[in-house]
């Protein structure tokens, strides 16, 4: 099974007038131990998770992405930050 890339996903949604919802998570302000609870409380329409911030400590983004991927199959996209 081939998955669509981000551009294809966004393009298809635009053509079909389908709404997408991305949630931005700042690794500097997000407690890792609350990942599972946070993901359970996301709006049902959430289609993507953006991870990043402007002043993120080294390694925090990677740790958060790994933790998020333990609990969801939603696409995780790095937003400008420490990477």
PDB file of N, CA and C in Angstrom:
ATOM      1  N   UNK A   1       0.841  -1.179   0.000  1.00  0.00           N
ATOM      2  CA  UNK A   1       0.000   0.000   0.000  1.00  0.00           C
ATOM      3  C   UNK A   1       0.887   1.243   0.000  1.00  0.00           C
ATOM      4  N   UNK A   2       0.670   2.125  -0.937  1.00  0.00           N
ATOM      5  CA  UNK A   2       1.475   3.342  -1.032  1.00  0.00           C
ATOM      6  C   UNK A   2       0.740   4.491  -0.341  1.00  0.00           C
ATOM      7  N   UNK A   3       1.461   5.232   0.471  1.00  0.00           N
ATOM      8  CA  UNK A   3       0.842   6.372   1.138  1.00  0.00           C
ATOM      9  C   UNK A   3       1.100   7.636   0.329  1.00  0.00           C
ATOM     10  N   UNK A   4       0.194   8.581   0.452  1.00  0.00           N
ATOM     11  CA  UNK A   4       0.329   9.850  -0.256  1.00  0.00           C
ATOM     12  C   UNK A   4       1.332  10.736   0.463  1.00  0.00           C
ATOM     13  N   UNK A   5       2.016  11.553  -0.318  1.00  0.00           N
ATOM     14  CA  UNK A   5       2.895  12.515   0.333  1.00  0.00           C
ATOM     15  C   UNK A   5       2.057  13.715   0.781  1.00  0.00           C
ATOM     16  N   UNK A   6       2.662  14.586   1.513  1.00  0.00           N
ATOM     17  CA  UNK A   6       1.950  15.717   2.085  1.00  0.00           C
ATOM     18  C   UNK A   6       1.325  16.607   1.014  1.00  0.00           C
ATOM     19  N   UNK A   7       2.069  16.870  -0.040  1.00  0.00           N
ATOM     20  CA  UNK A   7       1.558  17.707  -1.115  1.00  0.00           C
ATOM     21  C   UNK A   7       0.312  17.081  -1.748  1.00  0.00           C
ATOM     22  N   UNK A   8       0.359  15.786  -2.004  1.00  0.00           N
ATOM     23  CA  UNK A   8      -0.796  15.099  -2.598  1.00  0.00           C
ATOM     24  C   UNK A   8      -2.010  15.146  -1.672  1.00  0.00           C
ATOM     25  N   UNK A   9      -1.753  14.946  -0.379  1.00  0.00           N
ATOM     26  CA  UNK A   9      -2.842  14.986   0.595  1.00  0.00           C
ATOM     27  C   UNK A   9      -3.509  16.361   0.611  1.00  0.00           C
ATOM     28  N   UNK A  10      -2.711  17.423   0.662  1.00  0.00           N
ATOM     29  CA  UNK A  10      -3.263  18.777   0.689  1.00  0.00           C
ATOM     30  C   UNK A  10      -3.953  19.116  -0.633  1.00  0.00           C
ATOM     31  N   UNK A  11      -3.359  18.734  -1.744  1.00  0.00           N
ATOM     32  CA  UNK A  11      -3.946  19.018  -3.056  1.00  0.00           C
ATOM     33  C   UNK A  11      -5.293  18.329  -3.222  1.00  0.00           C
ATOM     34  N   UNK A  12      -5.356  17.061  -2.833  1.00  0.00           N
ATOM     35  CA  UNK A  12      -6.608  16.318  -2.937  1.00  0.00           C
ATOM     36  C   UNK A  12      -7.688  16.942  -2.059  1.00  0.00           C
ATOM     37  N   UNK A  13      -7.316  17.331  -0.859  1.00  0.00           N
ATOM     38  CA  UNK A  13      -8.280  17.959   0.045  1.00  0.00           C
ATOM     39  C   UNK A  13      -8.816  19.258  -0.547  1.00  0.00           C
ATOM     40  N   UNK A  14      -7.947  20.032  -1.170  1.00  0.00           N
ATOM     41  CA  UNK A  14      -8.394  21.288  -1.796  1.00  0.00           C
ATOM     42  C   UNK A  14      -9.366  21.009  -2.933  1.00  0.00           C
ATOM     43  N   UNK A  15      -9.031  20.042  -3.774  1.00  0.00           N
ATOM     44  CA  UNK A  15      -9.906  19.707  -4.905  1.00  0.00           C
ATOM     45  C   UNK A  15     -11.268  19.220  -4.436  1.00  0.00           C
ATOM     46  N   UNK A  16     -11.282  18.439  -3.378  1.00  0.00           N
ATOM     47  CA  UNK A  16     -12.532  17.881  -2.858  1.00  0.00           C
ATOM     48  C   UNK A  16     -13.218  18.811  -1.860  1.00  0.00           C
ATOM     49  N   UNK A  17     -12.584  19.970  -1.611  1.00  0.00           N
ATOM     50  CA  UNK A  17     -13.090  20.939  -0.629  1.00  0.00           C
ATOM     51  C   UNK A  17     -13.270  20.282   0.740  1.00  0.00           C
ATOM     52  N   UNK A  18     -12.316  19.420   1.062  1.00  0.00           N
ATOM     53  CA  UNK A  18     -12.306  18.721   2.335  1.00  0.00           C
ATOM     54  C   UNK A  18     -11.447  19.503   3.327  1.00  0.00           C
ATOM     55  N   UNK A  19     -11.950  19.672   4.526  1.00  0.00           N
ATOM     56  CA  UNK A  19     -11.203  20.386   5.549  1.00  0.00           C
ATOM     57  C   UNK A  19     -10.192  19.464   6.211  1.00  0.00           C
ATOM     58  N   UNK A  20      -9.027  20.025   6.490  1.00  0.00           N
ATOM     59  CA  UNK A  20      -7.987  19.334   7.241  1.00  0.00           C
ATOM     60  C   UNK A  20      -7.695  20.168   8.478  1.00  0.00           C
ATOM     61  N   UNK A  21      -7.249  19.513   9.531  1.00  0.00           N
ATOM     62  CA  UNK A  21      -6.931  20.226  10.753  1.00  0.00           C
ATOM     63  C   UNK A  21      -5.589  19.737  11.276  1.00  0.00           C
ATOM     64  N   UNK A  22      -4.627  20.645  11.350  1.00  0.00           N
ATOM     65  CA  UNK A  22      -3.323  20.328  11.909  1.00  0.00           C
ATOM     66  C   UNK A  22      -3.209  20.978  13.289  1.00  0.00           C
ATOM     67  N   UNK A  23      -2.673  20.240  14.217  1.00  0.00           N
ATOM     68  CA  UNK A  23      -2.452  20.730  15.573  1.00  0.00           C
ATOM     69  C   UNK A  23      -0.951  20.940  15.745  1.00  0.00           C
ATOM     70  N   UNK A  24      -0.547  22.124  16.186  1.00  0.00           N
ATOM     71  CA  UNK A  24       0.863  22.438  16.406  1.00  0.00           C
ATOM     72  C   UNK A  24       1.224  22.200  17.872  1.00  0.00           C
ATOM     73  N   UNK A  25       2.262  21.402  18.092  1.00  0.00           N
ATOM     74  CA  UNK A  25       2.730  21.096  19.436  1.00  0.00           C
ATOM     75  C   UNK A  25       4.151  21.649  19.574  1.00  0.00           C
ATOM     76  N   UNK A  26       4.383  22.452  20.608  1.00  0.00           N
ATOM     77  CA  UNK A  26       5.697  23.038  20.873  1.00  0.00           C
ATOM     78  C   UNK A  26       6.435  22.132  21.866  1.00  0.00           C
ATOM     79  N   UNK A  27       7.515  21.477  21.436  1.00  0.00           N
ATOM     80  CA  UNK A  27       8.230  20.552  22.315  1.00  0.00           C
ATOM     81  C   UNK A  27       8.758  21.194  23.596  1.00  0.00           C
ATOM     82  N   UNK A  28       9.046  22.484  23.549  1.00  0.00           N
ATOM     83  CA  UNK A  28       9.571  23.168  24.729  1.00  0.00           C
ATOM     84  C   UNK A  28       8.515  23.302  25.829  1.00  0.00           C
ATOM     85  N   UNK A  29       7.256  23.340  25.426  1.00  0.00           N
ATOM     86  CA  UNK A  29       6.175  23.582  26.382  1.00  0.00           C
ATOM     87  C   UNK A  29       5.302  22.356  26.626  1.00  0.00           C
ATOM     88  N   UNK A  30       5.677  21.228  26.038  1.00  0.00           N
ATOM     89  CA  UNK A  30       4.823  20.041  26.100  1.00  0.00           C
ATOM     90  C   UNK A  30       5.434  18.968  26.994  1.00  0.00           C
ATOM     91  N   UNK A  31       4.721  18.555  28.060  1.00  0.00           N
ATOM     92  CA  UNK A  31       5.229  17.491  28.934  1.00  0.00           C
ATOM     93  C   UNK A  31       5.043  16.115  28.277  1.00  0.00           C
ATOM     94  N   UNK A  32       6.140  15.413  28.005  1.00  0.00           N
ATOM     95  CA  UNK A  32       6.082  14.119  27.317  1.00  0.00           C
ATOM     96  C   UNK A  32       5.147  13.125  27.987  1.00  0.00           C
ATOM     97  N   UNK A  33       5.081  13.158  29.306  1.00  0.00           N
ATOM     98  CA  UNK A  33       4.247  12.180  30.013  1.00  0.00           C
ATOM     99  C   UNK A  33       2.749  12.370  29.757  1.00  0.00           C
ATOM    100  N   UNK A  34       2.370  13.469  29.140  1.00  0.00           N
ATOM    101  CA  UNK A  34       0.960  13.720  28.844  1.00  0.00           C
ATOM    102  C   UNK A  34       0.598  13.447  27.386  1.00  0.00           C
ATOM    103  N   UNK A  35       1.494  12.841  26.626  1.00  0.00           N
ATOM    104  CA  UNK A  35       1.272  12.624  25.197  1.00  0.00           C
ATOM    105  C   UNK A  35       0.004  11.824  24.914  1.00  0.00           C
ATOM    106  N   UNK A  36      -0.151  10.680  25.544  1.00  0.00           N
ATOM    107  CA  UNK A  36      -1.307   9.817  25.268  1.00  0.00           C
ATOM    108  C   UNK A  36      -2.621  10.548  25.577  1.00  0.00           C
ATOM    109  N   UNK A  37      -2.690  11.198  26.721  1.00  0.00           N
ATOM    110  CA  UNK A  37      -3.897  11.937  27.098  1.00  0.00           C
ATOM    111  C   UNK A  37      -4.171  13.071  26.112  1.00  0.00           C
ATOM    112  N   UNK A  38      -3.134  13.803  25.759  1.00  0.00           N
ATOM    113  CA  UNK A  38      -3.274  14.905  24.799  1.00  0.00           C
ATOM    114  C   UNK A  38      -3.845  14.398  23.472  1.00  0.00           C
ATOM    115  N   UNK A  39      -3.301  13.312  22.964  1.00  0.00           N
ATOM    116  CA  UNK A  39      -3.763  12.786  21.676  1.00  0.00           C
ATOM    117  C   UNK A  39      -5.200  12.279  21.751  1.00  0.00           C
ATOM    118  N   UNK A  40      -5.597  11.708  22.875  1.00  0.00           N
ATOM    119  CA  UNK A  40      -6.995  11.256  23.028  1.00  0.00           C
ATOM    120  C   UNK A  40      -7.962  12.429  23.016  1.00  0.00           C
ATOM    121  N   UNK A  41      -7.503  13.602  23.443  1.00  0.00           N
ATOM    122  CA  UNK A  41      -8.380  14.771  23.535  1.00  0.00           C
ATOM    123  C   UNK A  41      -8.383  15.640  22.274  1.00  0.00           C
ATOM    124  N   UNK A  42      -7.634  15.242  21.247  1.00  0.00           N
ATOM    125  CA  UNK A  42      -7.625  16.027  20.005  1.00  0.00           C
ATOM    126  C   UNK A  42      -8.996  16.000  19.349  1.00  0.00           C
ATOM    127  N   UNK A  43      -9.359  17.079  18.665  1.00  0.00           N
ATOM    128  CA  UNK A  43     -10.625  17.068  17.941  1.00  0.00           C
ATOM    129  C   UNK A  43     -10.635  15.911  16.927  1.00  0.00           C
ATOM    130  N   UNK A  44     -11.782  15.278  16.737  1.00  0.00           N
ATOM    131  CA  UNK A  44     -11.867  14.137  15.815  1.00  0.00           C
ATOM    132  C   UNK A  44     -11.423  14.455  14.387  1.00  0.00           C
ATOM    133  N   UNK A  45     -11.550  15.692  13.977  1.00  0.00           N
ATOM    134  CA  UNK A  45     -11.176  16.066  12.612  1.00  0.00           C
ATOM    135  C   UNK A  45      -9.675  16.274  12.428  1.00  0.00           C
ATOM    136  N   UNK A  46      -8.899  16.106  13.477  1.00  0.00           N
ATOM    137  CA  UNK A  46      -7.452  16.312  13.375  1.00  0.00           C
ATOM    138  C   UNK A  46      -6.871  15.368  12.335  1.00  0.00           C
ATOM    139  N   UNK A  47      -6.175  15.947  11.355  1.00  0.00           N
ATOM    140  CA  UNK A  47      -5.621  15.133  10.272  1.00  0.00           C
ATOM    141  C   UNK A  47      -4.094  15.060  10.318  1.00  0.00           C
ATOM    142  N   UNK A  48      -3.450  16.031  10.940  1.00  0.00           N
ATOM    143  CA  UNK A  48      -1.988  16.099  10.986  1.00  0.00           C
ATOM    144  C   UNK A  48      -1.543  16.684  12.324  1.00  0.00           C
ATOM    145  N   UNK A  49      -0.314  16.363  12.709  1.00  0.00           N
ATOM    146  CA  UNK A  49       0.268  16.961  13.903  1.00  0.00           C
ATOM    147  C   UNK A  49       1.568  17.627  13.484  1.00  0.00           C
ATOM    148  N   UNK A  50       1.653  18.923  13.736  1.00  0.00           N
ATOM    149  CA  UNK A  50       2.880  19.678  13.485  1.00  0.00           C
ATOM    150  C   UNK A  50       3.649  19.734  14.799  1.00  0.00           C
ATOM    151  N   UNK A  51       4.967  19.563  14.728  1.00  0.00           N
ATOM    152  CA  UNK A  51       5.803  19.620  15.922  1.00  0.00           C
ATOM    153  C   UNK A  51       6.931  20.606  15.669  1.00  0.00           C
ATOM    154  N   UNK A  52       7.070  21.586  16.558  1.00  0.00           N
ATOM    155  CA  UNK A  52       8.163  22.535  16.429  1.00  0.00           C
ATOM    156  C   UNK A  52       7.924  23.776  17.258  1.00  0.00           C
ATOM    157  N   UNK A  53       8.970  24.556  17.375  1.00  0.00           N
ATOM    158  CA  UNK A  53       8.910  25.800  18.116  1.00  0.00           C
ATOM    159  C   UNK A  53      10.137  26.627  17.776  1.00  0.00           C
ATOM    160  N   UNK A  54      10.201  27.825  18.302  1.00  0.00           N
ATOM    161  CA  UNK A  54      11.293  28.714  17.912  1.00  0.00           C
ATOM    162  C   UNK A  54      12.542  28.565  18.773  1.00  0.00           C
ATOM    163  N   UNK A  55      12.398  28.168  20.012  1.00  0.00           N
ATOM    164  CA  UNK A  55      13.564  28.055  20.900  1.00  0.00           C
ATOM    165  C   UNK A  55      13.554  26.710  21.606  1.00  0.00           C
ATOM    166  N   UNK A  56      13.597  25.644  20.850  1.00  0.00           N
ATOM    167  CA  UNK A  56      13.478  24.298  21.401  1.00  0.00           C
ATOM    168  C   UNK A  56      14.852  23.752  21.803  1.00  0.00           C
ATOM    169  N   UNK A  57      14.965  23.205  23.006  1.00  0.00           N
ATOM    170  CA  UNK A  57      16.231  22.601  23.421  1.00  0.00           C
ATOM    171  C   UNK A  57      16.626  21.454  22.496  1.00  0.00           C
ATOM    172  N   UNK A  58      17.918  21.256  22.315  1.00  0.00           N
ATOM    173  CA  UNK A  58      18.422  20.203  21.439  1.00  0.00           C
ATOM    174  C   UNK A  58      17.838  18.840  21.831  1.00  0.00           C
ATOM    175  N   UNK A  59      17.289  18.141  20.852  1.00  0.00           N
ATOM    176  CA  UNK A  59      16.767  16.796  21.067  1.00  0.00           C
ATOM    177  C   UNK A  59      15.322  16.727  21.508  1.00  0.00           C
ATOM    178  N   UNK A  60      14.730  17.851  21.903  1.00  0.00           N
ATOM    179  CA  UNK A  60      13.350  17.833  22.409  1.00  0.00           C
ATOM    180  C   UNK A  60      12.356  17.481  21.315  1.00  0.00           C
ATOM    181  N   UNK A  61      12.588  17.978  20.107  1.00  0.00           N
ATOM    182  CA  UNK A  61      11.673  17.684  18.999  1.00  0.00           C
ATOM    183  C   UNK A  61      11.694  16.192  18.685  1.00  0.00           C
ATOM    184  N   UNK A  62      12.875  15.628  18.584  1.00  0.00           N
ATOM    185  CA  UNK A  62      13.000  14.198  18.278  1.00  0.00           C
ATOM    186  C   UNK A  62      12.313  13.346  19.343  1.00  0.00           C
ATOM    187  N   UNK A  63      12.511  13.683  20.601  1.00  0.00           N
ATOM    188  CA  UNK A  63      11.891  12.931  21.691  1.00  0.00           C
ATOM    189  C   UNK A  63      10.372  13.005  21.616  1.00  0.00           C
ATOM    190  N   UNK A  64       9.849  14.187  21.335  1.00  0.00           N
ATOM    191  CA  UNK A  64       8.399  14.346  21.254  1.00  0.00           C
ATOM    192  C   UNK A  64       7.823  13.591  20.063  1.00  0.00           C
ATOM    193  N   UNK A  65       8.471  13.684  18.911  1.00  0.00           N
ATOM    194  CA  UNK A  65       7.976  12.971  17.721  1.00  0.00           C
ATOM    195  C   UNK A  65       7.943  11.466  17.984  1.00  0.00           C
ATOM    196  N   UNK A  66       8.994  10.928  18.558  1.00  0.00           N
ATOM    197  CA  UNK A  66       9.021   9.487  18.869  1.00  0.00           C
ATOM    198  C   UNK A  66       7.884   9.115  19.809  1.00  0.00           C
ATOM    199  N   UNK A  67       7.632   9.957  20.792  1.00  0.00           N
ATOM    200  CA  UNK A  67       6.563   9.691  21.749  1.00  0.00           C
ATOM    201  C   UNK A  67       5.188   9.765  21.087  1.00  0.00           C
ATOM    202  N   UNK A  68       4.968  10.765  20.266  1.00  0.00           N
ATOM    203  CA  UNK A  68       3.691  10.899  19.557  1.00  0.00           C
ATOM    204  C   UNK A  68       3.436   9.674  18.687  1.00  0.00           C
ATOM    205  N   UNK A  69       4.466   9.218  17.994  1.00  0.00           N
ATOM    206  CA  UNK A  69       4.305   8.080  17.083  1.00  0.00           C
ATOM    207  C   UNK A  69       3.996   6.774  17.813  1.00  0.00           C
ATOM    208  N   UNK A  70       4.232   6.733  19.116  1.00  0.00           N
ATOM    209  CA  UNK A  70       3.846   5.553  19.902  1.00  0.00           C
ATOM    210  C   UNK A  70       2.332   5.439  20.027  1.00  0.00           C
ATOM    211  N   UNK A  71       1.633   6.582  19.934  1.00  0.00           N
ATOM    212  CA  UNK A  71       0.212   6.625  20.244  1.00  0.00           C
ATOM    213  C   UNK A  71      -0.703   6.958  19.072  1.00  0.00           C
ATOM    214  N   UNK A  72      -0.155   7.333  17.925  1.00  0.00           N
ATOM    215  CA  UNK A  72      -1.022   7.694  16.800  1.00  0.00           C
ATOM    216  C   UNK A  72      -0.355   7.368  15.471  1.00  0.00           C
ATOM    217  N   UNK A  73      -1.201   7.150  14.476  1.00  0.00           N
ATOM    218  CA  UNK A  73      -0.691   6.929  13.116  1.00  0.00           C
ATOM    219  C   UNK A  73      -0.886   8.180  12.253  1.00  0.00           C
ATOM    220  N   UNK A  74      -1.380   9.249  12.863  1.00  0.00           N
ATOM    221  CA  UNK A  74      -1.542  10.506  12.120  1.00  0.00           C
ATOM    222  C   UNK A  74      -0.177  10.994  11.646  1.00  0.00           C
ATOM    223  N   UNK A  75      -0.122  11.650  10.489  1.00  0.00           N
ATOM    224  CA  UNK A  75       1.159  12.171  10.026  1.00  0.00           C
ATOM    225  C   UNK A  75       1.708  13.234  10.991  1.00  0.00           C
ATOM    226  N   UNK A  76       2.996  13.142  11.262  1.00  0.00           N
ATOM    227  CA  UNK A  76       3.679  14.111  12.122  1.00  0.00           C
ATOM    228  C   UNK A  76       4.636  14.877  11.225  1.00  0.00           C
ATOM    229  N   UNK A  77       4.484  16.205  11.191  1.00  0.00           N
ATOM    230  CA  UNK A  77       5.259  17.065  10.310  1.00  0.00           C
ATOM    231  C   UNK A  77       6.098  18.002  11.160  1.00  0.00           C
ATOM    232  N   UNK A  78       7.395  18.069  10.856  1.00  0.00           N
ATOM    233  CA  UNK A  78       8.259  18.989  11.581  1.00  0.00           C
ATOM    234  C   UNK A  78       8.004  20.407  11.111  1.00  0.00           C
ATOM    235  N   UNK A  79       7.731  21.267  12.056  1.00  0.00           N
ATOM    236  CA  UNK A  79       7.480  22.682  11.805  1.00  0.00           C
ATOM    237  C   UNK A  79       8.789  23.396  12.127  1.00  0.00           C
ATOM    238  N   UNK A  80       9.072  24.541  11.533  1.00  0.00           N
ATOM    239  CA  UNK A  80      10.355  25.198  11.813  1.00  0.00           C
ATOM    240  C   UNK A  80      10.654  25.283  13.301  1.00  0.00           C
ATOM    241  N   UNK A  81      11.853  24.920  13.649  1.00  0.00           N
ATOM    242  CA  UNK A  81      12.246  24.913  15.053  1.00  0.00           C
ATOM    243  C   UNK A  81      13.699  24.512  15.173  1.00  0.00           C
ATOM    244  N   UNK A  82      13.966  23.514  16.019  1.00  0.00           N
ATOM    245  CA  UNK A  82      15.351  23.127  16.261  1.00  0.00           C
ATOM    246  C   UNK A  82      15.904  22.148  15.238  1.00  0.00           C
ATOM    247  N   UNK A  83      15.137  21.830  14.200  1.00  0.00           N
ATOM    248  CA  UNK A  83      15.643  20.934  13.135  1.00  0.00           C
ATOM    249  C   UNK A  83      15.577  21.637  11.805  1.00  0.00           C
TER     250      UNK A  83
END
